[in-house]
Amino acid sequence: MQKRILVVDDEPIERMMLCKTLEKLVGDSCQIFEAKNGREAVEVFEQEDIQIAILDIEMPGINGLEAARMMRERKEECVIIFITAFDDFSYAKQAVTVKAIDYILKPYESKEIVYAVEEGKRLIDKYFSGAVEKEQSKENANVDENIGDIRLSLARETIHNYIKAHYMEDISMHNLACVMNYSDAHFCKLFKQCFKVNFTSYLTEYRINIAKAMLEDPRLNIKDIGVASGYTDSNYFARVFKRMVGCTPTEYRANVLVNRKN
């Protein structure tokens, strides 16, 4: 049975591109609806019995977080996915309160959206099938938990070491999944368990931290720092850096030098 997905974004081009991506990649199993703001989103949500809502957060009037709360009140089992250009901790914290299954930062890879939607579809099927796992004894549960912790620790170390060795290259989640012999979908879930964020967010933060350290050396060229951090396009490097840090690489270096003098 087709799942009903609602895409909510006040930017027409962003909304159109996301709908096209979903149509191409999951259109055979999903029916896709659109809304241009939070108020319209709640109306479509009720009229079309939406099961998965993908919402931008920053919108005029009723924003994505407020719309999601209304949806959650009306349908407990609905799946909420947020997409935003703002890497704001307060937003992420509020996303948790409405039980969102993912918080994806722009720019994102289409695979990130597909994996989130596939997980949403799985949760919906599980909810309606009434599947309930059998309870285990406390002793067995503790043993399983310990084994799981060890596996996660090993996976976390392997992933971190790979990113540390290859962050300056054009790597993707698929590359890492292949290295660890996992399917993309399973690795996506494993990565989230290990680091509590998606692959793109983690890699971006790692690269920007490397760049910040190199920017403290005034002898290094900023364009070269971008390349060494994994960004061959200097303009893109500057945009990502500003989004993550709040200022451009040039401004960051100037602030560091001023603080040293003081």
C-alpha atoms as a PDB file:
ATOM      1  CA  MET A   1       0.000   0.000   0.000  1.00  0.00           C
ATOM      2  CA  GLN A   2       1.338   3.434  -0.954  1.00  0.00           C
ATOM      3  CA  LYS A   3       2.438   5.693   1.895  1.00  0.00           C
ATOM      4  CA  ARG A   4       1.276   9.312   1.881  1.00  0.00           C
ATOM      5  CA  ILE A   5       4.116  11.838   2.191  1.00  0.00           C
ATOM      6  CA  LEU A   6       3.777  15.586   2.739  1.00  0.00           C
ATOM      7  CA  VAL A   7       6.602  17.953   1.720  1.00  0.00           C
ATOM      8  CA  VAL A   8       6.461  21.353   3.432  1.00  0.00           C
ATOM      9  CA  ASP A   9       8.740  24.242   2.432  1.00  0.00           C
ATOM     10  CA  ASP A  10       8.015  27.920   1.784  1.00  0.00           C
ATOM     11  CA  GLU A  11      10.725  28.046  -0.905  1.00  0.00           C
ATOM     12  CA  PRO A  12       9.061  26.887  -4.166  1.00  0.00           C
ATOM     13  CA  ILE A  13      12.281  25.687  -5.805  1.00  0.00           C
ATOM     14  CA  GLU A  14      13.417  23.744  -2.728  1.00  0.00           C
ATOM     15  CA  ARG A  15       9.970  22.155  -2.457  1.00  0.00           C
ATOM     16  CA  MET A  16       9.840  21.280  -6.154  1.00  0.00           C
ATOM     17  CA  MET A  17      13.325  19.724  -6.131  1.00  0.00           C
ATOM     18  CA  LEU A  18      12.572  17.595  -3.076  1.00  0.00           C
ATOM     19  CA  CYS A  19       9.258  16.400  -4.554  1.00  0.00           C
ATOM     20  CA  LYS A  20      11.005  15.473  -7.804  1.00  0.00           C
ATOM     21  CA  THR A  21      13.665  13.565  -5.889  1.00  0.00           C
ATOM     22  CA  LEU A  22      11.040  11.630  -3.958  1.00  0.00           C
ATOM     23  CA  GLU A  23       8.989  10.953  -7.091  1.00  0.00           C
ATOM     24  CA  LYS A  24      12.067   9.534  -8.795  1.00  0.00           C
ATOM     25  CA  LEU A  25      13.359   7.423  -5.914  1.00  0.00           C
ATOM     26  CA  VAL A  26      10.268   6.325  -3.935  1.00  0.00           C
ATOM     27  CA  GLY A  27       7.384   7.389  -6.148  1.00  0.00           C
ATOM     28  CA  ASP A  28       6.332   3.815  -6.843  1.00  0.00           C
ATOM     29  CA  SER A  29       5.591   3.213  -3.169  1.00  0.00           C
ATOM     30  CA  CYS A  30       4.532   6.687  -2.043  1.00  0.00           C
ATOM     31  CA  GLN A  31       1.982   9.360  -2.904  1.00  0.00           C
ATOM     32  CA  ILE A  32       3.449  12.831  -2.494  1.00  0.00           C
ATOM     33  CA  PHE A  33       1.624  15.999  -1.416  1.00  0.00           C
ATOM     34  CA  GLU A  34       2.896  19.578  -1.018  1.00  0.00           C
ATOM     35  CA  ALA A  35       2.316  22.555   1.288  1.00  0.00           C
ATOM     36  CA  LYS A  36       3.921  26.004   1.172  1.00  0.00           C
ATOM     37  CA  ASN A  37       3.580  26.911   4.864  1.00  0.00           C
ATOM     38  CA  GLY A  38       2.789  25.475   8.271  1.00  0.00           C
ATOM     39  CA  ARG A  39      -0.904  26.328   8.275  1.00  0.00           C
ATOM     40  CA  GLU A  40      -1.492  24.752   4.878  1.00  0.00           C
ATOM     41  CA  ALA A  41       0.576  21.760   5.974  1.00  0.00           C
ATOM     42  CA  VAL A  42      -1.739  21.014   8.907  1.00  0.00           C
ATOM     43  CA  GLU A  43      -4.772  21.272   6.627  1.00  0.00           C
ATOM     44  CA  VAL A  44      -3.331  18.897   4.017  1.00  0.00           C
ATOM     45  CA  PHE A  45      -2.154  16.596   6.799  1.00  0.00           C
ATOM     46  CA  GLU A  46      -5.730  16.160   8.007  1.00  0.00           C
ATOM     47  CA  GLN A  47      -7.440  16.104   4.612  1.00  0.00           C
ATOM     48  CA  GLU A  48      -5.124  13.521   3.040  1.00  0.00           C
ATOM     49  CA  ASP A  49      -4.408  11.427   6.136  1.00  0.00           C
ATOM     50  CA  ILE A  50      -0.665  12.003   5.774  1.00  0.00           C
ATOM     51  CA  GLN A  51       1.647   9.374   7.263  1.00  0.00           C
ATOM     52  CA  ILE A  52       5.096  10.943   6.721  1.00  0.00           C
ATOM     53  CA  ALA A  53       5.693  14.710   6.975  1.00  0.00           C
ATOM     54  CA  ILE A  54       8.950  16.275   5.753  1.00  0.00           C
ATOM     55  CA  LEU A  55       9.105  19.843   7.043  1.00  0.00           C
ATOM     56  CA  ASP A  56      11.380  22.827   6.685  1.00  0.00           C
ATOM     57  CA  ILE A  57      11.644  24.610  10.060  1.00  0.00           C
ATOM     58  CA  GLU A  58      12.033  28.299   9.190  1.00  0.00           C
ATOM     59  CA  MET A  59       8.730  29.376   7.635  1.00  0.00           C
ATOM     60  CA  PRO A  60       6.590  32.491   8.151  1.00  0.00           C
ATOM     61  CA  GLY A  61       3.531  32.187  10.382  1.00  0.00           C
ATOM     62  CA  ILE A  62       3.341  28.653  11.743  1.00  0.00           C
ATOM     63  CA  ASN A  63       6.868  27.267  11.454  1.00  0.00           C
ATOM     64  CA  GLY A  64       7.780  23.630  10.905  1.00  0.00           C
ATOM     65  CA  LEU A  65       8.186  22.817  14.601  1.00  0.00           C
ATOM     66  CA  GLU A  66       4.767  24.224  15.503  1.00  0.00           C
ATOM     67  CA  ALA A  67       3.127  22.415  12.575  1.00  0.00           C
ATOM     68  CA  ALA A  68       4.797  19.165  13.633  1.00  0.00           C
ATOM     69  CA  ARG A  69       3.416  19.515  17.173  1.00  0.00           C
ATOM     70  CA  MET A  70      -0.095  19.924  15.774  1.00  0.00           C
ATOM     71  CA  MET A  71       0.364  16.874  13.567  1.00  0.00           C
ATOM     72  CA  ARG A  72       1.643  14.814  16.475  1.00  0.00           C
ATOM     73  CA  GLU A  73      -1.383  15.785  18.572  1.00  0.00           C
ATOM     74  CA  ARG A  74      -3.736  14.689  15.786  1.00  0.00           C
ATOM     75  CA  LYS A  75      -1.952  11.447  14.873  1.00  0.00           C
ATOM     76  CA  GLU A  76       0.439   9.817  17.322  1.00  0.00           C
ATOM     77  CA  GLU A  77       1.870   7.370  14.779  1.00  0.00           C
ATOM     78  CA  CYS A  78       2.796   9.966  12.122  1.00  0.00           C
ATOM     79  CA  VAL A  79       6.458  10.140  11.090  1.00  0.00           C
ATOM     80  CA  ILE A  80       8.158  13.557  11.300  1.00  0.00           C
ATOM     81  CA  ILE A  81      11.342  14.434   9.381  1.00  0.00           C
ATOM     82  CA  PHE A  82      12.927  17.905   9.533  1.00  0.00           C
ATOM     83  CA  ILE A  83      15.065  19.501   6.832  1.00  0.00           C
ATOM     84  CA  THR A  84      16.709  22.834   7.601  1.00  0.00           C
ATOM     85  CA  ALA A  85      19.575  25.104   6.620  1.00  0.00           C
ATOM     86  CA  PHE A  86      20.070  26.086  10.276  1.00  0.00           C
ATOM     87  CA  ASP A  87      22.411  23.967  12.385  1.00  0.00           C
ATOM     88  CA  ASP A  88      20.800  25.248  15.571  1.00  0.00           C
ATOM     89  CA  PHE A  89      20.981  23.138  18.738  1.00  0.00           C
ATOM     90  CA  SER A  90      17.732  24.589  20.063  1.00  0.00           C
ATOM     91  CA  TYR A  91      15.956  23.441  16.898  1.00  0.00           C
ATOM     92  CA  ALA A  92      17.443  19.971  17.191  1.00  0.00           C
ATOM     93  CA  LYS A  93      16.369  19.826  20.841  1.00  0.00           C
ATOM     94  CA  GLN A  94      12.790  20.793  19.932  1.00  0.00           C
ATOM     95  CA  ALA A  95      12.813  18.202  17.129  1.00  0.00           C
ATOM     96  CA  VAL A  96      13.378  15.563  19.789  1.00  0.00           C
ATOM     97  CA  THR A  97      10.325  16.723  21.747  1.00  0.00           C
ATOM     98  CA  VAL A  98       8.033  16.048  18.770  1.00  0.00           C
ATOM     99  CA  LYS A  99       9.678  12.648  18.252  1.00  0.00           C
ATOM    100  CA  ALA A 100      11.138  13.447  14.827  1.00  0.00           C
ATOM    101  CA  ILE A 101      13.027  10.469  13.379  1.00  0.00           C
ATOM    102  CA  ASP A 102      15.600  12.644  11.581  1.00  0.00           C
ATOM    103  CA  TYR A 103      16.998  16.192  11.477  1.00  0.00           C
ATOM    104  CA  ILE A 104      18.713  16.704   8.117  1.00  0.00           C
ATOM    105  CA  LEU A 105      20.819  19.754   7.300  1.00  0.00           C
ATOM    106  CA  LYS A 106      20.882  21.489   3.929  1.00  0.00           C
ATOM    107  CA  PRO A 107      22.690  20.945   1.645  1.00  0.00           C
ATOM    108  CA  TYR A 108      21.914  17.240   1.853  1.00  0.00           C
ATOM    109  CA  GLU A 109      22.403  14.177  -0.303  1.00  0.00           C
ATOM    110  CA  SER A 110      19.279  12.652  -1.841  1.00  0.00           C
ATOM    111  CA  LYS A 111      20.218   9.339  -0.210  1.00  0.00           C
ATOM    112  CA  GLU A 112      19.805  10.902   3.239  1.00  0.00           C
ATOM    113  CA  ILE A 113      16.196  11.752   2.447  1.00  0.00           C
ATOM    114  CA  VAL A 114      15.486   8.331   0.965  1.00  0.00           C
ATOM    115  CA  TYR A 115      16.928   6.509   3.973  1.00  0.00           C
ATOM    116  CA  ALA A 116      14.858   8.643   6.340  1.00  0.00           C
ATOM    117  CA  VAL A 117      11.700   7.967   4.294  1.00  0.00           C
ATOM    118  CA  GLU A 118      12.424   4.233   4.149  1.00  0.00           C
ATOM    119  CA  GLU A 119      12.841   4.187   7.924  1.00  0.00           C
ATOM    120  CA  GLY A 120       9.565   6.096   8.239  1.00  0.00           C
ATOM    121  CA  LYS A 121       7.792   3.540   6.051  1.00  0.00           C
ATOM    122  CA  ARG A 122       9.177   0.735   8.185  1.00  0.00           C
ATOM    123  CA  LEU A 123       7.933   2.388  11.382  1.00  0.00           C
ATOM    124  CA  ILE A 124       4.459   2.881   9.908  1.00  0.00           C
ATOM    125  CA  ASP A 125       4.258  -0.761   8.830  1.00  0.00           C
ATOM    126  CA  LYS A 126       5.417  -1.846  12.256  1.00  0.00           C
ATOM    127  CA  TYR A 127       2.831   0.341  13.972  1.00  0.00           C
ATOM    128  CA  PHE A 128      -0.082  -0.944  11.925  1.00  0.00           C
ATOM    129  CA  SER A 129       0.999  -4.569  12.026  1.00  0.00           C
ATOM    130  CA  GLY A 130       1.037  -4.348  15.808  1.00  0.00           C
ATOM    131  CA  ALA A 131       4.394  -6.085  15.908  1.00  0.00           C
ATOM    132  CA  VAL A 132       5.670  -6.386  19.448  1.00  0.00           C
ATOM    133  CA  GLU A 133       8.981  -7.949  20.327  1.00  0.00           C
ATOM    134  CA  LYS A 134       8.956 -10.672  22.947  1.00  0.00           C
ATOM    135  CA  GLU A 135      10.296  -9.672  26.334  1.00  0.00           C
ATOM    136  CA  GLN A 136      13.493 -11.320  27.477  1.00  0.00           C
ATOM    137  CA  SER A 137      14.666 -12.015  30.953  1.00  0.00           C
ATOM    138  CA  LYS A 138      16.562  -9.221  32.671  1.00  0.00           C
ATOM    139  CA  GLU A 139      19.772 -11.224  32.612  1.00  0.00           C
ATOM    140  CA  ASN A 140      19.638 -11.927  28.875  1.00  0.00           C
ATOM    141  CA  ALA A 141      18.685  -8.334  28.150  1.00  0.00           C
ATOM    142  CA  ASN A 142      21.730  -7.084  30.052  1.00  0.00           C
ATOM    143  CA  VAL A 143      24.016  -9.477  28.165  1.00  0.00           C
ATOM    144  CA  ASP A 144      22.609  -8.371  24.806  1.00  0.00           C
ATOM    145  CA  GLU A 145      23.005  -4.724  25.798  1.00  0.00           C
ATOM    146  CA  ASN A 146      26.661  -5.234  26.722  1.00  0.00           C
ATOM    147  CA  ILE A 147      27.391  -7.044  23.455  1.00  0.00           C
ATOM    148  CA  GLY A 148      25.633  -4.281  21.564  1.00  0.00           C
ATOM    149  CA  ASP A 149      27.719  -1.625  23.326  1.00  0.00           C
ATOM    150  CA  ILE A 150      30.949  -3.422  22.372  1.00  0.00           C
ATOM    151  CA  ARG A 151      29.884  -3.705  18.731  1.00  0.00           C
ATOM    152  CA  LEU A 152      28.942  -0.037  18.604  1.00  0.00           C
ATOM    153  CA  SER A 153      32.260   0.947  20.170  1.00  0.00           C
ATOM    154  CA  LEU A 154      34.201  -1.039  17.558  1.00  0.00           C
ATOM    155  CA  ALA A 155      32.088   0.357  14.721  1.00  0.00           C
ATOM    156  CA  ARG A 156      32.538   3.895  16.054  1.00  0.00           C
ATOM    157  CA  GLU A 157      36.324   3.499  16.144  1.00  0.00           C
ATOM    158  CA  THR A 158      36.453   2.019  12.631  1.00  0.00           C
ATOM    159  CA  ILE A 159      34.309   4.806  11.184  1.00  0.00           C
ATOM    160  CA  HIS A 160      36.255   7.550  12.968  1.00  0.00           C
ATOM    161  CA  ASN A 161      39.605   6.164  11.793  1.00  0.00           C
ATOM    162  CA  TYR A 162      38.394   5.944   8.187  1.00  0.00           C
ATOM    163  CA  ILE A 163      37.143   9.548   8.212  1.00  0.00           C
ATOM    164  CA  LYS A 164      40.372  10.687   9.877  1.00  0.00           C
ATOM    165  CA  ALA A 165      42.373   9.072   7.059  1.00  0.00           C
ATOM    166  CA  HIS A 166      40.150  10.132   4.145  1.00  0.00           C
ATOM    167  CA  TYR A 167      38.318  13.354   5.138  1.00  0.00           C
ATOM    168  CA  MET A 168      40.243  15.380   2.537  1.00  0.00           C
ATOM    169  CA  GLU A 169      38.948  13.119  -0.235  1.00  0.00           C
ATOM    170  CA  ASP A 170      35.516  13.087  -1.915  1.00  0.00           C
ATOM    171  CA  ILE A 171      34.116  10.359   0.347  1.00  0.00           C
ATOM    172  CA  SER A 172      30.495   9.410   0.849  1.00  0.00           C
ATOM    173  CA  MET A 173      28.439   7.306   3.187  1.00  0.00           C
ATOM    174  CA  HIS A 174      28.332   4.641   0.465  1.00  0.00           C
ATOM    175  CA  ASN A 175      32.151   4.400   0.474  1.00  0.00           C
ATOM    176  CA  LEU A 176      32.203   3.704   4.199  1.00  0.00           C
ATOM    177  CA  ALA A 177      29.319   1.236   3.970  1.00  0.00           C
ATOM    178  CA  CYS A 178      31.273  -0.740   1.362  1.00  0.00           C
ATOM    179  CA  VAL A 179      34.428  -0.710   3.501  1.00  0.00           C
ATOM    180  CA  MET A 180      32.468  -2.172   6.432  1.00  0.00           C
ATOM    181  CA  ASN A 181      30.475  -4.592   4.210  1.00  0.00           C
ATOM    182  CA  TYR A 182      27.088  -3.135   5.144  1.00  0.00           C
ATOM    183  CA  SER A 183      24.166  -2.109   2.986  1.00  0.00           C
ATOM    184  CA  ASP A 184      23.676   1.649   2.729  1.00  0.00           C
ATOM    185  CA  ALA A 185      20.436   1.507   4.720  1.00  0.00           C
ATOM    186  CA  HIS A 186      21.953  -0.559   7.560  1.00  0.00           C
ATOM    187  CA  PHE A 187      25.077   1.612   7.700  1.00  0.00           C
ATOM    188  CA  CYS A 188      22.972   4.784   7.846  1.00  0.00           C
ATOM    189  CA  LYS A 189      21.206   3.442  10.919  1.00  0.00           C
ATOM    190  CA  LEU A 190      24.483   2.230  12.474  1.00  0.00           C
ATOM    191  CA  PHE A 191      26.130   5.618  11.949  1.00  0.00           C
ATOM    192  CA  LYS A 192      23.259   7.390  13.688  1.00  0.00           C
ATOM    193  CA  GLN A 193      23.570   4.967  16.635  1.00  0.00           C
ATOM    194  CA  CYS A 194      27.293   5.655  16.905  1.00  0.00           C
ATOM    195  CA  PHE A 195      27.385   9.431  16.525  1.00  0.00           C
ATOM    196  CA  LYS A 196      23.764  10.655  17.037  1.00  0.00           C
ATOM    197  CA  VAL A 197      23.969  12.650  13.769  1.00  0.00           C
ATOM    198  CA  ASN A 198      23.912  11.682  10.096  1.00  0.00           C
ATOM    199  CA  PHE A 199      27.079  11.062   8.076  1.00  0.00           C
ATOM    200  CA  THR A 200      27.056  14.387   6.229  1.00  0.00           C
ATOM    201  CA  SER A 201      26.718  16.424   9.426  1.00  0.00           C
ATOM    202  CA  TYR A 202      29.536  14.508  11.146  1.00  0.00           C
ATOM    203  CA  LEU A 203      31.907  14.765   8.164  1.00  0.00           C
ATOM    204  CA  THR A 204      31.185  18.482   7.748  1.00  0.00           C
ATOM    205  CA  GLU A 205      31.869  19.215  11.411  1.00  0.00           C
ATOM    206  CA  TYR A 206      35.092  17.147  11.286  1.00  0.00           C
ATOM    207  CA  ARG A 207      36.340  19.005   8.200  1.00  0.00           C
ATOM    208  CA  ILE A 208      35.492  22.431   9.602  1.00  0.00           C
ATOM    209  CA  ASN A 209      37.339  21.659  12.846  1.00  0.00           C
ATOM    210  CA  ILE A 210      40.403  20.727  10.772  1.00  0.00           C
ATOM    211  CA  ALA A 211      40.065  23.980   8.834  1.00  0.00           C
ATOM    212  CA  LYS A 212      39.761  26.046  12.035  1.00  0.00           C
ATOM    213  CA  ALA A 213      42.990  24.561  13.363  1.00  0.00           C
ATOM    214  CA  MET A 214      44.856  25.355  10.122  1.00  0.00           C
ATOM    215  CA  LEU A 215      43.441  28.879   9.963  1.00  0.00           C
ATOM    216  CA  GLU A 216      45.330  29.681  13.151  1.00  0.00           C
ATOM    217  CA  ASP A 217      48.540  29.541  11.078  1.00  0.00           C
ATOM    218  CA  PRO A 218      48.643  32.853   9.094  1.00  0.00           C
ATOM    219  CA  ARG A 219      51.251  31.412   6.701  1.00  0.00           C
ATOM    220  CA  LEU A 220      48.713  29.025   5.154  1.00  0.00           C
ATOM    221  CA  ASN A 221      46.637  30.133   2.187  1.00  0.00           C
ATOM    222  CA  ILE A 222      42.878  29.963   2.859  1.00  0.00           C
ATOM    223  CA  LYS A 223      42.136  28.317  -0.497  1.00  0.00           C
ATOM    224  CA  ASP A 224      44.762  25.649   0.245  1.00  0.00           C
ATOM    225  CA  ILE A 225      43.183  25.108   3.672  1.00  0.00           C
ATOM    226  CA  GLY A 226      39.834  24.488   1.997  1.00  0.00           C
ATOM    227  CA  VAL A 227      41.355  21.866  -0.293  1.00  0.00           C
ATOM    228  CA  ALA A 228      43.211  20.252   2.599  1.00  0.00           C
ATOM    229  CA  SER A 229      39.923  20.091   4.514  1.00  0.00           C
ATOM    230  CA  GLY A 230      38.124  18.315   1.685  1.00  0.00           C
ATOM    231  CA  TYR A 231      36.637  21.297  -0.206  1.00  0.00           C
ATOM    232  CA  THR A 232      38.042  21.800  -3.709  1.00  0.00           C
ATOM    233  CA  ASP A 233      35.582  24.651  -4.367  1.00  0.00           C
ATOM    234  CA  SER A 234      36.745  27.655  -2.310  1.00  0.00           C
ATOM    235  CA  ASN A 235      33.363  29.408  -2.530  1.00  0.00           C
ATOM    236  CA  TYR A 236      31.535  26.338  -1.256  1.00  0.00           C
ATOM    237  CA  PHE A 237      34.114  25.983   1.517  1.00  0.00           C
ATOM    238  CA  ALA A 238      33.462  29.573   2.598  1.00  0.00           C
ATOM    239  CA  ARG A 239      29.673  29.049   2.604  1.00  0.00           C
ATOM    240  CA  VAL A 240      29.849  25.846   4.632  1.00  0.00           C
ATOM    241  CA  PHE A 241      32.343  27.376   7.066  1.00  0.00           C
ATOM    242  CA  LYS A 242      30.130  30.421   7.647  1.00  0.00           C
ATOM    243  CA  ARG A 243      27.064  28.223   8.180  1.00  0.00           C
ATOM    244  CA  MET A 244      28.895  26.112  10.749  1.00  0.00           C
ATOM    245  CA  VAL A 245      30.988  28.780  12.519  1.00  0.00           C
ATOM    246  CA  GLY A 246      29.015  31.978  11.971  1.00  0.00           C
ATOM    247  CA  CYS A 247      31.743  33.843  10.087  1.00  0.00           C
ATOM    248  CA  THR A 248      33.878  33.403   6.964  1.00  0.00           C
ATOM    249  CA  PRO A 249      37.332  31.733   7.101  1.00  0.00           C
ATOM    250  CA  THR A 250      38.945  35.146   6.599  1.00  0.00           C
ATOM    251  CA  GLU A 251      36.967  36.667   9.481  1.00  0.00           C
ATOM    252  CA  TYR A 252      37.754  33.682  11.699  1.00  0.00           C
ATOM    253  CA  ARG A 253      41.497  34.045  11.070  1.00  0.00           C
ATOM    254  CA  ALA A 254      41.333  37.786  11.761  1.00  0.00           C
ATOM    255  CA  ASN A 255      39.561  37.150  15.075  1.00  0.00           C
ATOM    256  CA  VAL A 256      42.192  34.590  16.066  1.00  0.00           C
ATOM    257  CA  LEU A 257      45.023  37.021  15.327  1.00  0.00           C
ATOM    258  CA  VAL A 258      43.330  39.824  17.256  1.00  0.00           C
ATOM    259  CA  ASN A 259      42.818  37.578  20.277  1.00  0.00           C
ATOM    260  CA  ARG A 260      46.494  36.587  20.182  1.00  0.00           C
ATOM    261  CA  LYS A 261      47.572  40.222  20.280  1.00  0.00           C
ATOM    262  CA  ASN A 262      45.284  40.915  23.204  1.00  0.00           C
END
